């Protein structure tokens, strides 16, 4: 059996503004350390920028993949056989499912900087999770990948 490439893979990277904010955190650290001299100021610029960039990168680099018979969303790995229908959510509907329509038992891979999402029902009777909410920039493509990869 030859393994094929993943039918869907997406990395939810942090927006560009977060990298600017990371640099501004470094500038703030440099200004705080300015009274202590040039070397501490440069260290504050480098260190503050690096710490903020690592934080932005770690939060903003989650992946969603459909591989073989599983959906991998961040740290969660869900068999496709346990998933039901996928519903593409536009920006307004996604906001509704993040707020007043949300179920506290649901699995949310939520990134507020991504306006669209996919809601997938969980059909496994042993699983208390009613649905998955996945922030994605390409919800139609993810829904299609789930439909085509799902076992009949």
Protein backbone atom coordinates (compact mmCIF):
# COMPACT_ATOMS: atom_id res chain seq x y z
CA UNK A 1 0.00 0.00 0.00
CA UNK A 2 1.40 3.36 -1.02
CA UNK A 3 0.64 6.36 1.13
CA UNK A 4 -0.67 9.36 -0.72
CA UNK A 5 -0.23 13.00 0.13
CA UNK A 6 -2.67 14.55 2.54
CA UNK A 7 -5.84 15.63 0.70
CA UNK A 8 -5.96 18.75 2.86
CA UNK A 9 -3.40 20.62 4.92
CA UNK A 10 -3.57 24.16 6.26
CA UNK A 11 -1.39 26.07 8.68
CA UNK A 12 -3.22 28.82 10.53
CA UNK A 13 -0.37 31.31 10.77
CA UNK A 14 -0.51 34.46 12.82
CA UNK A 15 -1.46 37.64 10.95
CA UNK A 16 1.25 40.10 9.86
CA UNK A 17 0.20 42.61 12.47
CA UNK A 18 1.25 40.20 15.22
CA UNK A 19 4.82 40.29 13.90
CA UNK A 20 4.73 44.10 13.97
CA UNK A 21 3.44 43.93 17.55
CA UNK A 22 6.29 41.54 18.40
CA UNK A 23 8.78 44.09 17.12
CA UNK A 24 7.03 46.86 19.07
CA UNK A 25 7.30 44.76 22.25
CA UNK A 26 11.06 44.62 21.57
CA UNK A 27 11.17 48.40 21.06
CA UNK A 28 9.31 48.83 24.36
CA UNK A 29 11.84 46.64 26.14
CA UNK A 30 14.66 48.62 24.54
CA UNK A 31 13.16 51.89 25.78
CA UNK A 32 12.75 50.47 29.28
CA UNK A 33 16.42 49.45 29.33
CA UNK A 34 17.73 52.62 27.64
CA UNK A 35 18.76 54.30 30.95
CA UNK A 36 21.14 51.38 31.60
CA UNK A 37 23.14 51.92 28.40
CA UNK A 38 23.37 50.89 24.79
CA UNK A 39 24.18 47.21 25.32
CA UNK A 40 21.22 46.53 27.65
CA UNK A 41 19.00 48.48 25.25
CA UNK A 42 20.06 46.27 22.31
CA UNK A 43 19.59 43.19 24.47
CA UNK A 44 16.09 44.36 25.37
CA UNK A 45 15.28 44.96 21.71
CA UNK A 46 16.52 41.52 20.67
CA UNK A 47 15.17 39.65 23.69
CA UNK A 48 11.78 41.35 23.77
CA UNK A 49 11.27 40.85 20.05
CA UNK A 50 12.35 37.21 20.24
CA UNK A 51 10.10 36.33 23.19
CA UNK A 52 7.08 38.05 21.63
CA UNK A 53 7.77 36.42 18.23
CA UNK A 54 8.01 32.96 19.82
CA UNK A 55 4.70 33.53 21.60
CA UNK A 56 3.02 34.74 18.39
CA UNK A 57 4.44 31.84 16.41
CA UNK A 58 3.47 29.15 18.91
CA UNK A 59 -0.13 30.36 19.16
CA UNK A 60 -0.49 31.22 15.53
CA UNK A 61 0.93 28.16 13.83
CA UNK A 62 -1.65 25.43 14.42
CA UNK A 63 -2.30 22.95 11.58
CA UNK A 64 -5.44 21.29 10.23
CA UNK A 65 -4.91 18.13 8.16
CA UNK A 66 -6.94 15.33 6.66
CA UNK A 67 -4.59 12.37 6.56
CA UNK A 68 -5.66 8.82 5.75
CA UNK A 69 -8.77 8.14 7.80
CA UNK A 70 -8.27 10.94 10.35
CA UNK A 71 -8.82 14.63 10.78
CA UNK A 72 -5.95 16.20 12.71
CA UNK A 73 -6.79 19.62 14.11
CA UNK A 74 -4.10 21.00 16.36
CA UNK A 75 -3.48 18.35 19.03
CA UNK A 76 -6.76 16.49 18.34
CA UNK A 77 -6.89 13.43 16.08
CA UNK A 78 -10.41 12.36 15.14
CA UNK A 79 -11.28 9.34 12.97
CA UNK A 80 -13.34 10.33 9.93
CA UNK A 81 -15.81 7.54 10.69
CA UNK A 82 -16.84 9.44 13.85
CA UNK A 83 -17.68 12.61 11.92
CA UNK A 84 -20.97 13.58 10.37
CA UNK A 85 -21.96 16.42 8.07
CA UNK A 86 -19.72 19.44 7.65
CA UNK A 87 -21.27 22.90 7.52
CA UNK A 88 -19.36 25.80 5.96
CA UNK A 89 -19.73 28.93 8.09
CA UNK A 90 -19.34 32.40 6.64
CA UNK A 91 -18.00 35.22 8.83
CA UNK A 92 -21.36 36.10 10.40
CA UNK A 93 -22.44 32.50 11.04
CA UNK A 94 -18.98 31.64 12.40
CA UNK A 95 -19.26 34.51 14.86
CA UNK A 96 -22.66 33.19 15.97
CA UNK A 97 -21.24 29.69 16.59
CA UNK A 98 -18.35 31.22 18.57
CA UNK A 99 -20.73 33.15 20.81
CA UNK A 100 -24.40 32.55 21.54
CA UNK A 101 -24.83 29.28 19.57
CA UNK A 102 -21.74 27.67 21.11
CA UNK A 103 -21.98 24.46 23.10
CA UNK A 104 -19.49 24.24 26.00
CA UNK A 105 -18.84 20.57 25.17
CA UNK A 106 -17.75 21.33 21.60
CA UNK A 107 -14.15 21.10 20.39
CA UNK A 108 -13.09 24.56 19.25
CA UNK A 109 -10.00 25.18 17.19
CA UNK A 110 -10.66 28.88 17.35
CA UNK A 111 -8.51 31.61 15.89
CA UNK A 112 -10.27 34.99 16.16
CA UNK A 113 -8.19 36.46 13.33
CA UNK A 114 -9.73 33.98 10.85
CA UNK A 115 -13.32 34.98 10.09
CA UNK A 116 -14.59 31.78 8.40
CA UNK A 117 -14.95 28.31 9.88
CA UNK A 118 -16.24 24.78 9.42
CA UNK A 119 -18.61 23.05 11.85
CA UNK A 120 -18.51 19.26 11.74
CA UNK A 121 -20.98 17.09 13.66
CA UNK A 122 -19.55 14.27 15.78
CA UNK A 123 -21.64 11.11 15.32
CA UNK A 124 -19.79 8.81 17.72
CA UNK A 125 -22.26 7.94 20.54
CA UNK A 126 -19.36 7.37 22.97
CA UNK A 127 -18.01 10.89 22.44
CA UNK A 128 -19.71 13.68 24.44
CA UNK A 129 -18.44 16.28 21.94
CA UNK A 130 -21.42 17.42 19.82
CA UNK A 131 -19.41 19.07 17.06
CA UNK A 132 -16.03 20.43 15.99
CA UNK A 133 -15.61 24.12 15.25
CA UNK A 134 -12.54 24.66 13.09
CA UNK A 135 -11.36 28.12 12.11
CA UNK A 136 -10.11 27.85 8.54
CA UNK A 137 -9.40 30.19 5.67
CA UNK A 138 -10.69 27.61 3.17
CA UNK A 139 -13.81 25.99 4.69
CA UNK A 140 -15.20 24.76 1.34
CA UNK A 141 -11.96 22.96 0.50
CA UNK A 142 -11.78 21.37 3.97
CA UNK A 143 -15.42 20.21 3.74
CA UNK A 144 -14.72 18.68 0.32
CA UNK A 145 -11.59 16.93 1.63
CA UNK A 146 -13.61 15.45 4.50
CA UNK A 147 -16.34 14.25 2.12
CA UNK A 148 -13.87 12.59 -0.28
CA UNK A 149 -11.67 11.02 2.41
CA UNK A 150 -14.55 9.69 4.52
CA UNK A 151 -15.04 5.92 4.36
CA UNK A 152 -18.35 4.82 2.83
